[in-house]
Amino acid sequence: VVIAALVLAPESLAAYKAAKRNRLQTSLNLALGSALATIGLTIPSVAIVSLVLGLPLALGVDPKGMTLLALSLFVATLSLGNGRTTVLQGVVHLVIFAAYLFTTVVP
């Protein structure tokens, strides 16, 4: 998780700056491209380490996480459907993220 966060940090900051300059397409390209690249490199790395060390590998998501993921994808579809976003839509995404963090830390 720490390695993924370190890899995502520069592109996330660039995506945030692009979003502040009202460059939604650039922001999305930076954020989603970086996330896909990080996932594409992190998952195989973790799988190889688990095979080498003989440790079990569990990449599953619990039902609460799946529900929040589906909700966030639905909200993202609504937010990006017309090409313009509002502060309220951003706040909704942050609330969903806060709910995910809360349910992860306090089961």
N, C-alpha and C. Protein backbone atom coordinates (compact mmCIF):
# COMPACT_ATOMS: atom_id res chain seq x y z
N VAL A 1 0.83 -1.19 0.00
CA VAL A 1 0.00 0.00 0.00
C VAL A 1 0.87 1.25 0.00
N VAL A 2 1.95 1.22 0.77
CA VAL A 2 2.83 2.38 0.85
C VAL A 2 3.49 2.63 -0.50
N ILE A 3 3.94 1.58 -1.15
CA ILE A 3 4.59 1.73 -2.45
C ILE A 3 3.59 2.29 -3.47
N ALA A 4 2.38 1.77 -3.46
CA ALA A 4 1.36 2.27 -4.39
C ALA A 4 1.06 3.74 -4.13
N ALA A 5 0.99 4.13 -2.87
CA ALA A 5 0.73 5.54 -2.54
C ALA A 5 1.87 6.43 -3.01
N LEU A 6 3.10 5.96 -2.85
CA LEU A 6 4.25 6.74 -3.31
C LEU A 6 4.26 6.89 -4.82
N VAL A 7 3.88 5.85 -5.52
CA VAL A 7 3.86 5.91 -6.98
C VAL A 7 2.73 6.81 -7.46
N LEU A 8 1.59 6.76 -6.79
CA LEU A 8 0.43 7.55 -7.20
C LEU A 8 0.54 9.03 -6.83
N ALA A 9 1.35 9.37 -5.86
CA ALA A 9 1.38 10.74 -5.34
C ALA A 9 1.68 11.81 -6.39
N PRO A 10 2.74 11.70 -7.19
CA PRO A 10 3.02 12.79 -8.15
C PRO A 10 1.92 12.98 -9.19
N GLU A 11 1.42 11.89 -9.75
CA GLU A 11 0.37 12.01 -10.75
C GLU A 11 -0.93 12.51 -10.13
N SER A 12 -1.19 12.12 -8.88
CA SER A 12 -2.39 12.61 -8.21
C SER A 12 -2.32 14.11 -7.98
N LEU A 13 -1.15 14.59 -7.59
CA LEU A 13 -0.98 16.04 -7.43
C LEU A 13 -1.13 16.77 -8.75
N ALA A 14 -0.58 16.22 -9.82
CA ALA A 14 -0.72 16.83 -11.14
C ALA A 14 -2.18 16.82 -11.59
N ALA A 15 -2.90 15.73 -11.30
CA ALA A 15 -4.32 15.65 -11.64
C ALA A 15 -5.12 16.67 -10.85
N TYR A 16 -4.78 16.85 -9.59
CA TYR A 16 -5.47 17.84 -8.75
C TYR A 16 -5.24 19.25 -9.30
N LYS A 17 -4.00 19.55 -9.67
CA LYS A 17 -3.70 20.88 -10.22
C LYS A 17 -4.43 21.10 -11.54
N ALA A 18 -4.50 20.07 -12.37
CA ALA A 18 -5.23 20.19 -13.64
C ALA A 18 -6.72 20.41 -13.39
N ALA A 19 -7.26 19.74 -12.40
CA ALA A 19 -8.68 19.93 -12.07
C ALA A 19 -8.94 21.34 -11.55
N LYS A 20 -8.01 21.88 -10.77
CA LYS A 20 -8.16 23.25 -10.28
C LYS A 20 -8.13 24.26 -11.43
N ARG A 21 -7.41 23.94 -12.51
CA ARG A 21 -7.34 24.83 -13.68
C ARG A 21 -8.49 24.56 -14.65
N ASN A 22 -9.47 23.76 -14.21
CA ASN A 22 -10.66 23.44 -15.01
C ASN A 22 -10.29 22.63 -16.26
N ARG A 23 -9.34 21.74 -16.14
CA ARG A 23 -8.92 20.86 -17.23
C ARG A 23 -9.32 19.43 -16.86
N LEU A 24 -10.62 19.15 -16.96
CA LEU A 24 -11.17 17.88 -16.49
C LEU A 24 -10.59 16.69 -17.25
N GLN A 25 -10.49 16.80 -18.57
CA GLN A 25 -9.98 15.67 -19.35
C GLN A 25 -8.54 15.33 -18.98
N THR A 26 -7.71 16.35 -18.85
CA THR A 26 -6.32 16.13 -18.45
C THR A 26 -6.25 15.52 -17.06
N SER A 27 -7.07 16.03 -16.16
CA SER A 27 -7.09 15.52 -14.80
C SER A 27 -7.48 14.05 -14.76
N LEU A 28 -8.53 13.70 -15.49
CA LEU A 28 -8.97 12.30 -15.53
C LEU A 28 -7.92 11.40 -16.17
N ASN A 29 -7.32 11.87 -17.26
CA ASN A 29 -6.29 11.06 -17.91
C ASN A 29 -5.12 10.79 -16.97
N LEU A 30 -4.68 11.82 -16.25
CA LEU A 30 -3.58 11.64 -15.31
C LEU A 30 -3.95 10.68 -14.19
N ALA A 31 -5.10 10.92 -13.58
CA ALA A 31 -5.50 10.13 -12.41
C ALA A 31 -5.77 8.67 -12.78
N LEU A 32 -6.57 8.45 -13.81
CA LEU A 32 -6.94 7.08 -14.16
C LEU A 32 -5.76 6.32 -14.77
N GLY A 33 -4.97 6.98 -15.59
CA GLY A 33 -3.79 6.32 -16.17
C GLY A 33 -2.80 5.92 -15.10
N SER A 34 -2.58 6.80 -14.15
CA SER A 34 -1.66 6.50 -13.06
C SER A 34 -2.19 5.36 -12.20
N ALA A 35 -3.48 5.39 -11.91
CA ALA A 35 -4.07 4.33 -11.09
C ALA A 35 -3.97 2.98 -11.79
N LEU A 36 -4.28 2.95 -13.08
CA LEU A 36 -4.19 1.69 -13.82
C LEU A 36 -2.77 1.17 -13.89
N ALA A 37 -1.82 2.06 -14.10
CA ALA A 37 -0.41 1.64 -14.15
C ALA A 37 0.04 1.10 -12.79
N THR A 38 -0.37 1.77 -11.73
CA THR A 38 0.02 1.34 -10.39
C THR A 38 -0.58 -0.02 -10.06
N ILE A 39 -1.86 -0.19 -10.36
CA ILE A 39 -2.51 -1.48 -10.11
C ILE A 39 -1.88 -2.56 -10.98
N GLY A 40 -1.61 -2.21 -12.24
CA GLY A 40 -1.02 -3.18 -13.16
C GLY A 40 0.37 -3.64 -12.74
N LEU A 41 1.08 -2.82 -11.98
CA LEU A 41 2.41 -3.21 -11.51
C LEU A 41 2.40 -3.76 -10.09
N THR A 42 1.50 -3.28 -9.26
CA THR A 42 1.48 -3.68 -7.86
C THR A 42 0.96 -5.11 -7.69
N ILE A 43 -0.14 -5.43 -8.33
CA ILE A 43 -0.75 -6.75 -8.16
C ILE A 43 0.21 -7.87 -8.59
N PRO A 44 0.83 -7.79 -9.77
CA PRO A 44 1.79 -8.86 -10.12
C PRO A 44 2.98 -8.92 -9.17
N SER A 45 3.45 -7.77 -8.70
CA SER A 45 4.58 -7.76 -7.76
C SER A 45 4.22 -8.47 -6.46
N VAL A 46 3.05 -8.17 -5.94
CA VAL A 46 2.60 -8.81 -4.70
C VAL A 46 2.40 -10.30 -4.93
N ALA A 47 1.87 -10.68 -6.08
CA ALA A 47 1.66 -12.10 -6.38
C ALA A 47 2.99 -12.84 -6.45
N ILE A 48 3.98 -12.24 -7.07
CA ILE A 48 5.30 -12.88 -7.17
C ILE A 48 5.94 -13.03 -5.79
N VAL A 49 5.86 -11.98 -4.98
CA VAL A 49 6.44 -12.05 -3.63
C VAL A 49 5.74 -13.12 -2.81
N SER A 50 4.40 -13.22 -2.93
CA SER A 50 3.69 -14.24 -2.16
C SER A 50 4.07 -15.65 -2.62
N LEU A 51 4.31 -15.83 -3.91
CA LEU A 51 4.74 -17.14 -4.41
C LEU A 51 6.15 -17.48 -3.93
N VAL A 52 7.04 -16.50 -3.98
CA VAL A 52 8.43 -16.75 -3.57
C VAL A 52 8.51 -17.07 -2.08
N LEU A 53 7.75 -16.32 -1.27
CA LEU A 53 7.79 -16.52 0.18
C LEU A 53 6.85 -17.61 0.66
N GLY A 54 6.00 -18.12 -0.23
CA GLY A 54 5.06 -19.18 0.15
C GLY A 54 3.93 -18.70 1.04
N LEU A 55 3.57 -17.43 0.93
CA LEU A 55 2.49 -16.86 1.73
C LEU A 55 1.18 -16.88 0.96
N PRO A 56 0.05 -16.99 1.67
CA PRO A 56 -1.23 -16.95 0.96
C PRO A 56 -1.51 -15.54 0.42
N LEU A 57 -2.23 -15.48 -0.69
CA LEU A 57 -2.55 -14.20 -1.33
C LEU A 57 -4.06 -14.04 -1.35
N ALA A 58 -4.55 -12.98 -0.73
CA ALA A 58 -5.98 -12.70 -0.72
C ALA A 58 -6.19 -11.28 -1.25
N LEU A 59 -6.84 -11.17 -2.40
CA LEU A 59 -7.10 -9.87 -3.01
C LEU A 59 -8.58 -9.54 -3.01
N GLY A 60 -9.35 -10.23 -2.20
CA GLY A 60 -10.79 -10.03 -2.20
C GLY A 60 -11.22 -8.75 -1.50
N VAL A 61 -12.44 -8.34 -1.78
CA VAL A 61 -13.05 -7.17 -1.16
C VAL A 61 -14.30 -7.65 -0.45
N ASP A 62 -14.50 -7.18 0.78
CA ASP A 62 -15.68 -7.60 1.54
C ASP A 62 -16.95 -6.96 0.95
N PRO A 63 -18.13 -7.44 1.36
CA PRO A 63 -19.38 -6.92 0.80
C PRO A 63 -19.57 -5.41 1.01
N LYS A 64 -19.13 -4.87 2.15
CA LYS A 64 -19.23 -3.42 2.36
C LYS A 64 -18.40 -2.67 1.34
N GLY A 65 -17.20 -3.16 1.11
CA GLY A 65 -16.32 -2.52 0.13
C GLY A 65 -16.89 -2.60 -1.28
N MET A 66 -17.48 -3.74 -1.62
CA MET A 66 -18.09 -3.88 -2.95
C MET A 66 -19.26 -2.93 -3.12
N THR A 67 -20.06 -2.77 -2.07
CA THR A 67 -21.19 -1.85 -2.14
C THR A 67 -20.72 -0.42 -2.33
N LEU A 68 -19.72 -0.02 -1.57
CA LEU A 68 -19.20 1.34 -1.70
C LEU A 68 -18.51 1.54 -3.05
N LEU A 69 -17.86 0.52 -3.57
CA LEU A 69 -17.24 0.61 -4.89
C LEU A 69 -18.30 0.80 -5.96
N ALA A 70 -19.37 0.01 -5.90
CA ALA A 70 -20.45 0.14 -6.87
C ALA A 70 -21.10 1.52 -6.77
N LEU A 71 -21.29 2.00 -5.55
CA LEU A 71 -21.86 3.33 -5.35
C LEU A 71 -20.96 4.41 -5.93
N SER A 72 -19.67 4.29 -5.69
CA SER A 72 -18.75 5.31 -6.21
C SER A 72 -18.68 5.27 -7.74
N LEU A 73 -18.74 4.09 -8.34
CA LEU A 73 -18.76 4.01 -9.80
C LEU A 73 -20.04 4.61 -10.37
N PHE A 74 -21.16 4.38 -9.70
CA PHE A 74 -22.43 4.96 -10.13
C PHE A 74 -22.38 6.49 -10.04
N VAL A 75 -21.88 7.00 -8.93
CA VAL A 75 -21.78 8.46 -8.76
C VAL A 75 -20.80 9.05 -9.76
N ALA A 76 -19.71 8.35 -10.04
CA ALA A 76 -18.75 8.84 -11.04
C ALA A 76 -19.39 8.90 -12.42
N THR A 77 -20.21 7.92 -12.75
CA THR A 77 -20.91 7.93 -14.03
C THR A 77 -21.85 9.13 -14.11
N LEU A 78 -22.57 9.40 -13.04
CA LEU A 78 -23.46 10.56 -13.02
C LEU A 78 -22.67 11.86 -13.10
N SER A 79 -21.56 11.92 -12.40
CA SER A 79 -20.77 13.16 -12.36
C SER A 79 -20.15 13.48 -13.72
N LEU A 80 -19.64 12.47 -14.38
CA LEU A 80 -18.90 12.70 -15.62
C LEU A 80 -19.75 12.54 -16.87
N GLY A 81 -21.02 12.24 -16.70
CA GLY A 81 -21.89 12.01 -17.84
C GLY A 81 -22.09 13.22 -18.73
N ASN A 82 -22.18 14.40 -18.14
CA ASN A 82 -22.42 15.60 -18.95
C ASN A 82 -21.16 16.42 -19.21
N GLY A 83 -20.03 16.00 -18.70
CA GLY A 83 -18.78 16.70 -18.95
C GLY A 83 -18.47 17.84 -18.00
N ARG A 84 -19.40 18.17 -17.13
CA ARG A 84 -19.18 19.23 -16.15
C ARG A 84 -19.44 18.67 -14.76
N THR A 85 -18.63 19.07 -13.83
CA THR A 85 -18.82 18.63 -12.45
C THR A 85 -19.03 19.84 -11.56
N THR A 86 -19.60 19.58 -10.40
CA THR A 86 -19.83 20.66 -9.43
C THR A 86 -19.14 20.30 -8.12
N VAL A 87 -19.09 21.28 -7.25
CA VAL A 87 -18.49 21.05 -5.93
C VAL A 87 -19.31 20.01 -5.17
N LEU A 88 -20.62 20.05 -5.32
CA LEU A 88 -21.47 19.09 -4.62
C LEU A 88 -21.15 17.65 -5.04
N GLN A 89 -20.93 17.44 -6.32
CA GLN A 89 -20.58 16.09 -6.78
C GLN A 89 -19.24 15.65 -6.21
N GLY A 90 -18.30 16.57 -6.11
CA GLY A 90 -17.01 16.25 -5.49
C GLY A 90 -17.16 15.91 -4.02
N VAL A 91 -18.04 16.63 -3.34
CA VAL A 91 -18.28 16.37 -1.92
C VAL A 91 -18.92 14.99 -1.74
N VAL A 92 -19.81 14.61 -2.65
CA VAL A 92 -20.42 13.28 -2.58
C VAL A 92 -19.35 12.20 -2.70
N HIS A 93 -18.41 12.38 -3.60
CA HIS A 93 -17.31 11.42 -3.73
C HIS A 93 -16.47 11.37 -2.45
N LEU A 94 -16.20 12.51 -1.87
CA LEU A 94 -15.41 12.54 -0.63
C LEU A 94 -16.16 11.87 0.52
N VAL A 95 -17.48 12.03 0.58
CA VAL A 95 -18.27 11.39 1.64
C VAL A 95 -18.24 9.87 1.46
N ILE A 96 -18.35 9.40 0.23
CA ILE A 96 -18.26 7.95 -0.01
C ILE A 96 -16.89 7.44 0.40
N PHE A 97 -15.83 8.19 0.07
CA PHE A 97 -14.48 7.79 0.45
C PHE A 97 -14.33 7.77 1.97
N ALA A 98 -14.89 8.77 2.65
CA ALA A 98 -14.83 8.82 4.11
C ALA A 98 -15.57 7.63 4.72
N ALA A 99 -16.72 7.27 4.13
CA ALA A 99 -17.46 6.10 4.62
C ALA A 99 -16.64 4.83 4.44
N TYR A 100 -15.94 4.72 3.31
CA TYR A 100 -15.09 3.55 3.07
C TYR A 100 -13.96 3.49 4.11
N LEU A 101 -13.31 4.63 4.34
CA LEU A 101 -12.24 4.65 5.34
C LEU A 101 -12.77 4.30 6.72
N PHE A 102 -13.92 4.85 7.08
CA PHE A 102 -14.49 4.59 8.40
C PHE A 102 -14.83 3.11 8.56
N THR A 103 -15.46 2.51 7.54
CA THR A 103 -15.83 1.10 7.67
C THR A 103 -14.61 0.18 7.60
N THR A 104 -13.52 0.67 7.04
CA THR A 104 -12.29 -0.12 7.02
C THR A 104 -11.60 -0.09 8.38
N VAL A 105 -11.55 1.09 8.99
CA VAL A 105 -10.86 1.25 10.27
C VAL A 105 -11.72 0.73 11.43
N VAL A 106 -13.01 1.04 11.40
CA VAL A 106 -13.93 0.62 12.47
C VAL A 106 -14.94 -0.36 11.87
N PRO A 107 -14.67 -1.65 11.97
CA PRO A 107 -15.58 -2.63 11.34
C PRO A 107 -16.84 -2.70 12.07
